Amino acid sequence: MRLTMDLQFPFTTAAGVSITSLELRRLKVKDLKAIGKQAGSDEVLLEILGISRMCNIIPEDLDEMDAADYQQVKVRFLEYLGVTPASPVRDGSTSEVVPVSAE
């Protein structure tokens, strides 16, 4: 399953490529193994490497991503890992949850 997420704040990579959206893919066990080997016990590096694999961009390009967009991608990353429950992300793929009175 792949999901395209439009960025609120597009950015340009060091190679001069303009990034306006990201295609996110679910990670596999082989991804987790590779990420774990590279990151060791560094949790921040583990997250960055995981997100870069999920988005198919190099970790250095994440440095240029706006923090607000990064947080939205991070939510999806944690959701894909099963760390957090599914939640609405402003990428057009989910609807907003609206509470309804039981009366």
PDB file of N, CA and C in Angstrom:
ATOM      1  N   MET A   1       0.841  -1.181   0.000  1.00  0.00           N
ATOM      2  CA  MET A   1       0.000   0.000   0.000  1.00  0.00           C
ATOM      3  C   MET A   1       0.883   1.240   0.000  1.00  0.00           C
ATOM      4  N   ARG A   2       0.603   2.156  -0.873  1.00  0.00           N
ATOM      5  CA  ARG A   2       1.348   3.417  -0.948  1.00  0.00           C
ATOM      6  C   ARG A   2       0.367   4.564  -0.760  1.00  0.00           C
ATOM      7  N   LEU A   3       0.876   5.606  -0.164  1.00  0.00           N
ATOM      8  CA  LEU A   3       0.074   6.775   0.134  1.00  0.00           C
ATOM      9  C   LEU A   3       0.844   8.004  -0.303  1.00  0.00           C
ATOM     10  N   THR A   4       0.221   8.902  -1.042  1.00  0.00           N
ATOM     11  CA  THR A   4       0.871  10.149  -1.416  1.00  0.00           C
ATOM     12  C   THR A   4       0.432  11.231  -0.448  1.00  0.00           C
ATOM     13  N   MET A   5       1.413  11.901   0.122  1.00  0.00           N
ATOM     14  CA  MET A   5       1.141  12.963   1.089  1.00  0.00           C
ATOM     15  C   MET A   5       1.671  14.278   0.541  1.00  0.00           C
ATOM     16  N   ASP A   6       0.775  15.238   0.318  1.00  0.00           N
ATOM     17  CA  ASP A   6       1.181  16.566  -0.127  1.00  0.00           C
ATOM     18  C   ASP A   6       1.808  17.310   1.041  1.00  0.00           C
ATOM     19  N   LEU A   7       2.918  17.986   0.782  1.00  0.00           N
ATOM     20  CA  LEU A   7       3.584  18.756   1.827  1.00  0.00           C
ATOM     21  C   LEU A   7       2.968  20.136   1.941  1.00  0.00           C
ATOM     22  N   GLN A   8       2.843  20.603   3.137  1.00  0.00           N
ATOM     23  CA  GLN A   8       2.334  21.950   3.379  1.00  0.00           C
ATOM     24  C   GLN A   8       3.410  22.980   3.020  1.00  0.00           C
ATOM     25  N   PHE A   9       4.682  22.577   3.205  1.00  0.00           N
ATOM     26  CA  PHE A   9       5.809  23.452   2.940  1.00  0.00           C
ATOM     27  C   PHE A   9       6.830  22.722   2.059  1.00  0.00           C
ATOM     28  N   PRO A  10       6.636  22.764   0.733  1.00  0.00           N
ATOM     29  CA  PRO A  10       7.579  22.085  -0.170  1.00  0.00           C
ATOM     30  C   PRO A  10       9.013  22.565   0.087  1.00  0.00           C
ATOM     31  N   PHE A  11       9.974  21.701  -0.265  1.00  0.00           N
ATOM     32  CA  PHE A  11      11.377  22.050  -0.068  1.00  0.00           C
ATOM     33  C   PHE A  11      12.205  21.560  -1.246  1.00  0.00           C
ATOM     34  N   THR A  12      13.453  22.030  -1.300  1.00  0.00           N
ATOM     35  CA  THR A  12      14.375  21.642  -2.360  1.00  0.00           C
ATOM     36  C   THR A  12      15.521  20.853  -1.756  1.00  0.00           C
ATOM     37  N   THR A  13      15.845  19.722  -2.364  1.00  0.00           N
ATOM     38  CA  THR A  13      16.944  18.888  -1.870  1.00  0.00           C
ATOM     39  C   THR A  13      18.286  19.522  -2.239  1.00  0.00           C
ATOM     40  N   ALA A  14      19.354  18.978  -1.678  1.00  0.00           N
ATOM     41  CA  ALA A  14      20.700  19.466  -1.987  1.00  0.00           C
ATOM     42  C   ALA A  14      21.014  19.291  -3.469  1.00  0.00           C
ATOM     43  N   ALA A  15      20.381  18.317  -4.110  1.00  0.00           N
ATOM     44  CA  ALA A  15      20.589  18.074  -5.541  1.00  0.00           C
ATOM     45  C   ALA A  15      19.737  18.998  -6.409  1.00  0.00           C
ATOM     46  N   GLY A  16      18.937  19.873  -5.781  1.00  0.00           N
ATOM     47  CA  GLY A  16      18.118  20.822  -6.523  1.00  0.00           C
ATOM     48  C   GLY A  16      16.757  20.307  -6.944  1.00  0.00           C
ATOM     49  N   VAL A  17      16.331  19.187  -6.384  1.00  0.00           N
ATOM     50  CA  VAL A  17      15.028  18.603  -6.723  1.00  0.00           C
ATOM     51  C   VAL A  17      13.966  19.199  -5.796  1.00  0.00           C
ATOM     52  N   SER A  18      12.903  19.726  -6.383  1.00  0.00           N
ATOM     53  CA  SER A  18      11.804  20.285  -5.602  1.00  0.00           C
ATOM     54  C   SER A  18      10.880  19.153  -5.148  1.00  0.00           C
ATOM     55  N   ILE A  19      10.626  19.090  -3.852  1.00  0.00           N
ATOM     56  CA  ILE A  19       9.765  18.059  -3.282  1.00  0.00           C
ATOM     57  C   ILE A  19       8.470  18.732  -2.803  1.00  0.00           C
ATOM     58  N   THR A  20       7.361  18.403  -3.471  1.00  0.00           N
ATOM     59  CA  THR A  20       6.070  18.976  -3.099  1.00  0.00           C
ATOM     60  C   THR A  20       5.157  17.946  -2.436  1.00  0.00           C
ATOM     61  N   SER A  21       5.480  16.670  -2.646  1.00  0.00           N
ATOM     62  CA  SER A  21       4.720  15.589  -2.032  1.00  0.00           C
ATOM     63  C   SER A  21       5.655  14.398  -1.845  1.00  0.00           C
ATOM     64  N   LEU A  22       5.246  13.494  -0.989  1.00  0.00           N
ATOM     65  CA  LEU A  22       6.016  12.282  -0.721  1.00  0.00           C
ATOM     66  C   LEU A  22       5.135  11.076  -0.929  1.00  0.00           C
ATOM     67  N   GLU A  23       5.696  10.037  -1.491  1.00  0.00           N
ATOM     68  CA  GLU A  23       4.988   8.770  -1.610  1.00  0.00           C
ATOM     69  C   GLU A  23       5.472   7.883  -0.472  1.00  0.00           C
ATOM     70  N   LEU A  24       4.577   7.561   0.430  1.00  0.00           N
ATOM     71  CA  LEU A  24       4.915   6.762   1.599  1.00  0.00           C
ATOM     72  C   LEU A  24       4.577   5.305   1.323  1.00  0.00           C
ATOM     73  N   ARG A  25       5.459   4.434   1.759  1.00  0.00           N
ATOM     74  CA  ARG A  25       5.189   3.008   1.621  1.00  0.00           C
ATOM     75  C   ARG A  25       5.335   2.351   2.983  1.00  0.00           C
ATOM     76  N   ARG A  26       4.621   1.277   3.175  1.00  0.00           N
ATOM     77  CA  ARG A  26       4.737   0.519   4.422  1.00  0.00           C
ATOM     78  C   ARG A  26       6.087  -0.166   4.445  1.00  0.00           C
ATOM     79  N   LEU A  27       6.679  -0.234   5.623  1.00  0.00           N
ATOM     80  CA  LEU A  27       7.977  -0.889   5.778  1.00  0.00           C
ATOM     81  C   LEU A  27       7.801  -2.379   5.977  1.00  0.00           C
ATOM     82  N   LYS A  28       8.834  -3.122   5.642  1.00  0.00           N
ATOM     83  CA  LYS A  28       8.854  -4.571   5.824  1.00  0.00           C
ATOM     84  C   LYS A  28       9.905  -4.917   6.871  1.00  0.00           C
ATOM     85  N   VAL A  29       9.920  -6.156   7.297  1.00  0.00           N
ATOM     86  CA  VAL A  29      10.880  -6.603   8.307  1.00  0.00           C
ATOM     87  C   VAL A  29      12.305  -6.367   7.817  1.00  0.00           C
ATOM     88  N   LYS A  30      12.569  -6.603   6.538  1.00  0.00           N
ATOM     89  CA  LYS A  30      13.916  -6.386   6.017  1.00  0.00           C
ATOM     90  C   LYS A  30      14.335  -4.910   6.148  1.00  0.00           C
ATOM     91  N   ASP A  31      13.373  -3.988   6.045  1.00  0.00           N
ATOM     92  CA  ASP A  31      13.672  -2.568   6.265  1.00  0.00           C
ATOM     93  C   ASP A  31      14.073  -2.341   7.713  1.00  0.00           C
ATOM     94  N   LEU A  32      13.304  -2.932   8.628  1.00  0.00           N
ATOM     95  CA  LEU A  32      13.591  -2.757  10.054  1.00  0.00           C
ATOM     96  C   LEU A  32      14.961  -3.311  10.418  1.00  0.00           C
ATOM     97  N   LYS A  33      15.333  -4.441   9.827  1.00  0.00           N
ATOM     98  CA  LYS A  33      16.656  -5.017  10.077  1.00  0.00           C
ATOM     99  C   LYS A  33      17.758  -4.077   9.613  1.00  0.00           C
ATOM    100  N   ALA A  34      17.616  -3.555   8.408  1.00  0.00           N
ATOM    101  CA  ALA A  34      18.629  -2.653   7.853  1.00  0.00           C
ATOM    102  C   ALA A  34      18.740  -1.367   8.671  1.00  0.00           C
ATOM    103  N   ILE A  35      17.592  -0.831   9.067  1.00  0.00           N
ATOM    104  CA  ILE A  35      17.571   0.392   9.872  1.00  0.00           C
ATOM    105  C   ILE A  35      18.244   0.136  11.215  1.00  0.00           C
ATOM    106  N   GLY A  36      17.922  -0.986  11.849  1.00  0.00           N
ATOM    107  CA  GLY A  36      18.500  -1.334  13.142  1.00  0.00           C
ATOM    108  C   GLY A  36      20.006  -1.474  13.087  1.00  0.00           C
ATOM    109  N   LYS A  37      20.526  -2.074  12.009  1.00  0.00           N
ATOM    110  CA  LYS A  37      21.976  -2.223  11.853  1.00  0.00           C
ATOM    111  C   LYS A  37      22.660  -0.869  11.763  1.00  0.00           C
ATOM    112  N   GLN A  38      22.059   0.055  11.016  1.00  0.00           N
ATOM    113  CA  GLN A  38      22.650   1.379  10.816  1.00  0.00           C
ATOM    114  C   GLN A  38      22.536   2.252  12.057  1.00  0.00           C
ATOM    115  N   ALA A  39      21.406   2.204  12.726  1.00  0.00           N
ATOM    116  CA  ALA A  39      21.126   3.135  13.823  1.00  0.00           C
ATOM    117  C   ALA A  39      21.649   2.657  15.164  1.00  0.00           C
ATOM    118  N   GLY A  40      21.772   1.351  15.343  1.00  0.00           N
ATOM    119  CA  GLY A  40      22.175   0.844  16.650  1.00  0.00           C
ATOM    120  C   GLY A  40      21.147   1.223  17.689  1.00  0.00           C
ATOM    121  N   SER A  41      21.583   1.846  18.780  1.00  0.00           N
ATOM    122  CA  SER A  41      20.656   2.226  19.850  1.00  0.00           C
ATOM    123  C   SER A  41      20.248   3.703  19.788  1.00  0.00           C
ATOM    124  N   ASP A  42      20.614   4.394  18.722  1.00  0.00           N
ATOM    125  CA  ASP A  42      20.275   5.812  18.560  1.00  0.00           C
ATOM    126  C   ASP A  42      18.840   5.936  18.053  1.00  0.00           C
ATOM    127  N   GLU A  43      17.905   6.279  18.950  1.00  0.00           N
ATOM    128  CA  GLU A  43      16.479   6.320  18.597  1.00  0.00           C
ATOM    129  C   GLU A  43      16.159   7.389  17.556  1.00  0.00           C
ATOM    130  N   VAL A  44      16.829   8.531  17.635  1.00  0.00           N
ATOM    131  CA  VAL A  44      16.571   9.602  16.666  1.00  0.00           C
ATOM    132  C   VAL A  44      17.022   9.151  15.280  1.00  0.00           C
ATOM    133  N   LEU A  45      18.198   8.550  15.196  1.00  0.00           N
ATOM    134  CA  LEU A  45      18.694   8.059  13.912  1.00  0.00           C
ATOM    135  C   LEU A  45      17.793   6.942  13.380  1.00  0.00           C
ATOM    136  N   LEU A  46      17.301   6.093  14.253  1.00  0.00           N
ATOM    137  CA  LEU A  46      16.388   5.026  13.860  1.00  0.00           C
ATOM    138  C   LEU A  46      15.148   5.622  13.191  1.00  0.00           C
ATOM    139  N   GLU A  47      14.591   6.659  13.793  1.00  0.00           N
ATOM    140  CA  GLU A  47      13.408   7.318  13.241  1.00  0.00           C
ATOM    141  C   GLU A  47      13.718   7.955  11.883  1.00  0.00           C
ATOM    142  N   ILE A  48      14.821   8.670  11.797  1.00  0.00           N
ATOM    143  CA  ILE A  48      15.185   9.346  10.551  1.00  0.00           C
ATOM    144  C   ILE A  48      15.424   8.336   9.432  1.00  0.00           C
ATOM    145  N   LEU A  49      16.159   7.271   9.736  1.00  0.00           N
ATOM    146  CA  LEU A  49      16.414   6.249   8.721  1.00  0.00           C
ATOM    147  C   LEU A  49      15.121   5.552   8.296  1.00  0.00           C
ATOM    148  N   GLY A  50      14.237   5.302   9.246  1.00  0.00           N
ATOM    149  CA  GLY A  50      12.962   4.669   8.927  1.00  0.00           C
ATOM    150  C   GLY A  50      12.092   5.547   8.057  1.00  0.00           C
ATOM    151  N   ILE A  51      12.022   6.816   8.395  1.00  0.00           N
ATOM    152  CA  ILE A  51      11.208   7.745   7.611  1.00  0.00           C
ATOM    153  C   ILE A  51      11.804   7.930   6.226  1.00  0.00           C
ATOM    154  N   SER A  52      13.124   8.001   6.131  1.00  0.00           N
ATOM    155  CA  SER A  52      13.731   8.168   4.809  1.00  0.00           C
ATOM    156  C   SER A  52      13.449   6.951   3.924  1.00  0.00           C
ATOM    157  N   ARG A  53      13.491   5.744   4.497  1.00  0.00           N
ATOM    158  CA  ARG A  53      13.153   4.539   3.718  1.00  0.00           C
ATOM    159  C   ARG A  53      11.682   4.542   3.327  1.00  0.00           C
ATOM    160  N   MET A  54      10.827   4.926   4.264  1.00  0.00           N
ATOM    161  CA  MET A  54       9.395   4.941   4.011  1.00  0.00           C
ATOM    162  C   MET A  54       9.050   5.918   2.878  1.00  0.00           C
ATOM    163  N   CYS A  55       9.799   7.027   2.805  1.00  0.00           N
ATOM    164  CA  CYS A  55       9.540   8.071   1.805  1.00  0.00           C
ATOM    165  C   CYS A  55      10.421   7.951   0.564  1.00  0.00           C
ATOM    166  N   ASN A  56      11.374   7.003   0.593  1.00  0.00           N
ATOM    167  CA  ASN A  56      12.312   6.808  -0.503  1.00  0.00           C
ATOM    168  C   ASN A  56      13.120   8.068  -0.825  1.00  0.00           C
ATOM    169  N   ILE A  57      13.603   8.730   0.220  1.00  0.00           N
ATOM    170  CA  ILE A  57      14.525   9.851   0.052  1.00  0.00           C
ATOM    171  C   ILE A  57      15.704   9.618   0.991  1.00  0.00           C
ATOM    172  N   ILE A  58      16.825  10.233   0.697  1.00  0.00           N
ATOM    173  CA  ILE A  58      17.997  10.030   1.537  1.00  0.00           C
ATOM    174  C   ILE A  58      17.844  10.822   2.837  1.00  0.00           C
ATOM    175  N   PRO A  59      18.425  10.321   3.917  1.00  0.00           N
ATOM    176  CA  PRO A  59      18.266  10.991   5.217  1.00  0.00           C
ATOM    177  C   PRO A  59      18.679  12.463   5.207  1.00  0.00           C
ATOM    178  N   GLU A  60      19.706  12.795   4.451  1.00  0.00           N
ATOM    179  CA  GLU A  60      20.162  14.187   4.393  1.00  0.00           C
ATOM    180  C   GLU A  60      19.106  15.125   3.823  1.00  0.00           C
ATOM    181  N   ASP A  61      18.263  14.613   2.938  1.00  0.00           N
ATOM    182  CA  ASP A  61      17.197  15.451   2.376  1.00  0.00           C
ATOM    183  C   ASP A  61      16.127  15.767   3.410  1.00  0.00           C
ATOM    184  N   LEU A  62      15.969  14.904   4.414  1.00  0.00           N
ATOM    185  CA  LEU A  62      15.008  15.195   5.484  1.00  0.00           C
ATOM    186  C   LEU A  62      15.402  16.446   6.258  1.00  0.00           C
ATOM    187  N   ASP A  63      16.703  16.769   6.266  1.00  0.00           N
ATOM    188  CA  ASP A  63      17.177  17.964   6.973  1.00  0.00           C
ATOM    189  C   ASP A  63      16.506  19.235   6.464  1.00  0.00           C
ATOM    190  N   GLU A  64      16.107  19.245   5.204  1.00  0.00           N
ATOM    191  CA  GLU A  64      15.505  20.436   4.599  1.00  0.00           C
ATOM    192  C   GLU A  64      13.984  20.476   4.732  1.00  0.00           C
ATOM    193  N   MET A  65      13.379  19.396   5.240  1.00  0.00           N
ATOM    194  CA  MET A  65      11.924  19.341   5.371  1.00  0.00           C
ATOM    195  C   MET A  65      11.462  20.205   6.537  1.00  0.00           C
ATOM    196  N   ASP A  66      10.376  20.915   6.334  1.00  0.00           N
ATOM    197  CA  ASP A  66       9.788  21.727   7.395  1.00  0.00           C
ATOM    198  C   ASP A  66       9.361  20.822   8.552  1.00  0.00           C
ATOM    199  N   ALA A  67       9.531  21.324   9.765  1.00  0.00           N
ATOM    200  CA  ALA A  67       9.221  20.535  10.961  1.00  0.00           C
ATOM    201  C   ALA A  67       7.753  20.109  11.020  1.00  0.00           C
ATOM    202  N   ALA A  68       6.847  20.960  10.577  1.00  0.00           N
ATOM    203  CA  ALA A  68       5.420  20.613  10.604  1.00  0.00           C
ATOM    204  C   ALA A  68       5.132  19.427   9.669  1.00  0.00           C
ATOM    205  N   ASP A  69       5.711  19.455   8.473  1.00  0.00           N
ATOM    206  CA  ASP A  69       5.532  18.335   7.548  1.00  0.00           C
ATOM    207  C   ASP A  69       6.191  17.076   8.110  1.00  0.00           C
ATOM    208  N   TYR A  70       7.363  17.235   8.717  1.00  0.00           N
ATOM    209  CA  TYR A  70       8.061  16.090   9.295  1.00  0.00           C
ATOM    210  C   TYR A  70       7.198  15.422  10.370  1.00  0.00           C
ATOM    211  N   GLN A  71       6.551  16.223  11.185  1.00  0.00           N
ATOM    212  CA  GLN A  71       5.712  15.660  12.244  1.00  0.00           C
ATOM    213  C   GLN A  71       4.549  14.863  11.660  1.00  0.00           C
ATOM    214  N   GLN A  72       3.990  15.325  10.551  1.00  0.00           N
ATOM    215  CA  GLN A  72       2.902  14.588   9.906  1.00  0.00           C
ATOM    216  C   GLN A  72       3.404  13.261   9.338  1.00  0.00           C
ATOM    217  N   VAL A  73       4.595  13.270   8.742  1.00  0.00           N
ATOM    218  CA  VAL A  73       5.189  12.037   8.214  1.00  0.00           C
ATOM    219  C   VAL A  73       5.527  11.095   9.375  1.00  0.00           C
ATOM    220  N   LYS A  74       6.027  11.664  10.457  1.00  0.00           N
ATOM    221  CA  LYS A  74       6.387  10.867  11.635  1.00  0.00           C
ATOM    222  C   LYS A  74       5.156  10.157  12.211  1.00  0.00           C
ATOM    223  N   VAL A  75       4.026  10.829  12.244  1.00  0.00           N
ATOM    224  CA  VAL A  75       2.784  10.213  12.727  1.00  0.00           C
ATOM    225  C   VAL A  75       2.472   8.974  11.895  1.00  0.00           C
ATOM    226  N   ARG A  76       2.581   9.100  10.589  1.00  0.00           N
ATOM    227  CA  ARG A  76       2.295   7.967   9.700  1.00  0.00           C
ATOM    228  C   ARG A  76       3.323   6.853   9.910  1.00  0.00           C
ATOM    229  N   PHE A  77       4.591   7.211  10.080  1.00  0.00           N
ATOM    230  CA  PHE A  77       5.654   6.230  10.332  1.00  0.00           C
ATOM    231  C   PHE A  77       5.354   5.419  11.586  1.00  0.00           C
ATOM    232  N   LEU A  78       5.022   6.096  12.665  1.00  0.00           N
ATOM    233  CA  LEU A  78       4.722   5.404  13.920  1.00  0.00           C
ATOM    234  C   LEU A  78       3.461   4.556  13.793  1.00  0.00           C
ATOM    235  N   GLU A  79       2.506   5.048  13.043  1.00  0.00           N
ATOM    236  CA  GLU A  79       1.280   4.282  12.792  1.00  0.00           C
ATOM    237  C   GLU A  79       1.603   3.004  12.023  1.00  0.00           C
ATOM    238  N   TYR A  80       2.433   3.104  10.991  1.00  0.00           N
ATOM    239  CA  TYR A  80       2.822   1.933  10.203  1.00  0.00           C
ATOM    240  C   TYR A  80       3.561   0.906  11.054  1.00  0.00           C
ATOM    241  N   LEU A  81       4.316   1.374  12.041  1.00  0.00           N
ATOM    242  CA  LEU A  81       5.029   0.460  12.932  1.00  0.00           C
ATOM    243  C   LEU A  81       4.117  -0.145  13.993  1.00  0.00           C
ATOM    244  N   GLY A  82       2.909   0.393  14.122  1.00  0.00           N
ATOM    245  CA  GLY A  82       1.980  -0.100  15.127  1.00  0.00           C
ATOM    246  C   GLY A  82       2.230   0.492  16.497  1.00  0.00           C
ATOM    247  N   VAL A  83       3.022   1.579  16.556  1.00  0.00           N
ATOM    248  CA  VAL A  83       3.348   2.220  17.828  1.00  0.00           C
ATOM    249  C   VAL A  83       2.204   3.109  18.299  1.00  0.00           C
ATOM    250  N   THR A  84       1.500   3.730  17.370  1.00  0.00           N
ATOM    251  CA  THR A  84       0.368   4.594  17.706  1.00  0.00           C
ATOM    252  C   THR A  84      -0.838   4.146  16.884  1.00  0.00           C
ATOM    253  N   PRO A  85      -2.036   4.380  17.389  1.00  0.00           N
ATOM    254  CA  PRO A  85      -3.233   4.014  16.611  1.00  0.00           C
ATOM    255  C   PRO A  85      -3.383   4.918  15.395  1.00  0.00           C
ATOM    256  N   ALA A  86      -4.128   4.448  14.428  1.00  0.00           N
ATOM    257  CA  ALA A  86      -4.407   5.246  13.238  1.00  0.00           C
ATOM    258  C   ALA A  86      -5.072   6.548  13.656  1.00  0.00           C
ATOM    259  N   SER A  87      -4.609   7.636  13.048  1.00  0.00           N
ATOM    260  CA  SER A  87      -5.177   8.939  13.358  1.00  0.00           C
ATOM    261  C   SER A  87      -5.268   9.753  12.076  1.00  0.00           C
ATOM    262  N   PRO A  88      -6.174  10.717  12.034  1.00  0.00           N
ATOM    263  CA  PRO A  88      -6.300  11.525  10.823  1.00  0.00           C
ATOM    264  C   PRO A  88      -5.024  12.313  10.553  1.00  0.00           C
ATOM    265  N   VAL A  89      -4.576  12.302   9.309  1.00  0.00           N
ATOM    266  CA  VAL A  89      -3.424  13.085   8.871  1.00  0.00           C
ATOM    267  C   VAL A  89      -3.911  13.939   7.721  1.00  0.00           C
ATOM    268  N   ARG A  90      -3.533  15.204   7.717  1.00  0.00           N
ATOM    269  CA  ARG A  90      -4.024  16.108   6.693  1.00  0.00           C
ATOM    270  C   ARG A  90      -3.333  15.870   5.355  1.00  0.00           C
ATOM    271  N   ASP A  91      -3.626  14.728   4.748  1.00  0.00           N
ATOM    272  CA  ASP A  91      -3.060  14.431   3.440  1.00  0.00           C
ATOM    273  C   ASP A  91      -4.138  14.051   2.431  1.00  0.00           C
ATOM    274  N   GLY A  92      -5.384  14.226   2.825  1.00  0.00           N
ATOM    275  CA  GLY A  92      -6.483  13.936   1.925  1.00  0.00           C
ATOM    276  C   GLY A  92      -6.911  12.479   1.927  1.00  0.00           C
ATOM    277  N   SER A  93      -6.173  11.615   2.648  1.00  0.00           N
ATOM    278  CA  SER A  93      -6.504  10.192   2.606  1.00  0.00           C
ATOM    279  C   SER A  93      -7.443   9.769   3.722  1.00  0.00           C
ATOM    280  N   THR A  94      -7.642  10.619   4.708  1.00  0.00           N
ATOM    281  CA  THR A  94      -8.527  10.266   5.809  1.00  0.00           C
ATOM    282  C   THR A  94      -9.494  11.407   6.064  1.00  0.00           C
ATOM    283  N   SER A  95     -10.567  11.093   6.724  1.00  0.00           N
ATOM    284  CA  SER A  95     -11.557  12.101   7.073  1.00  0.00           C
ATOM    285  C   SER A  95     -11.384  12.509   8.524  1.00  0.00           C
ATOM    286  N   GLU A  96     -11.845  13.689   8.845  1.00  0.00           N
ATOM    287  CA  GLU A  96     -11.786  14.164  10.220  1.00  0.00           C
ATOM    288  C   GLU A  96     -12.830  13.434  11.049  1.00  0.00           C
ATOM    289  N   VAL A  97     -12.458  13.062  12.262  1.00  0.00           N
ATOM    290  CA  VAL A  97     -13.387  12.407  13.174  1.00  0.00           C
ATOM    291  C   VAL A  97     -14.142  13.492  13.933  1.00  0.00           C
ATOM    292  N   VAL A  98     -15.468  13.406  13.915  1.00  0.00           N
ATOM    293  CA  VAL A  98     -16.296  14.403  14.568  1.00  0.00           C
ATOM    294  C   VAL A  98     -17.123  13.686  15.632  1.00  0.00           C
ATOM    295  N   PRO A  99     -17.015  14.131  16.906  1.00  0.00           N
ATOM    296  CA  PRO A  99     -17.810  13.482  17.940  1.00  0.00           C
ATOM    297  C   PRO A  99     -19.297  13.731  17.742  1.00  0.00           C
ATOM    298  N   VAL A 100     -20.105  12.718  18.046  1.00  0.00           N
ATOM    299  CA  VAL A 100     -21.556  12.820  17.897  1.00  0.00           C
ATOM    300  C   VAL A 100     -22.189  12.472  19.239  1.00  0.00           C
ATOM    301  N   SER A 101     -23.143  13.256  19.661  1.00  0.00           N
ATOM    302  CA  SER A 101     -23.841  13.025  20.908  1.00  0.00           C
ATOM    303  C   SER A 101     -24.628  11.718  20.847  1.00  0.00           C
ATOM    304  N   ALA A 102     -24.678  10.997  21.979  1.00  0.00           N
ATOM    305  CA  ALA A 102     -25.424   9.743  22.023  1.00  0.00           C
ATOM    306  C   ALA A 102     -26.927   9.981  22.181  1.00  0.00           C
ATOM    307  N   GLU A 103     -27.341  11.195  22.372  1.00  0.00           N
ATOM    308  CA  GLU A 103     -28.765  11.510  22.565  1.00  0.00           C
ATOM    309  C   GLU A 103     -29.516  11.534  21.282  1.00  0.00           C
TER     310      GLU A 103
END
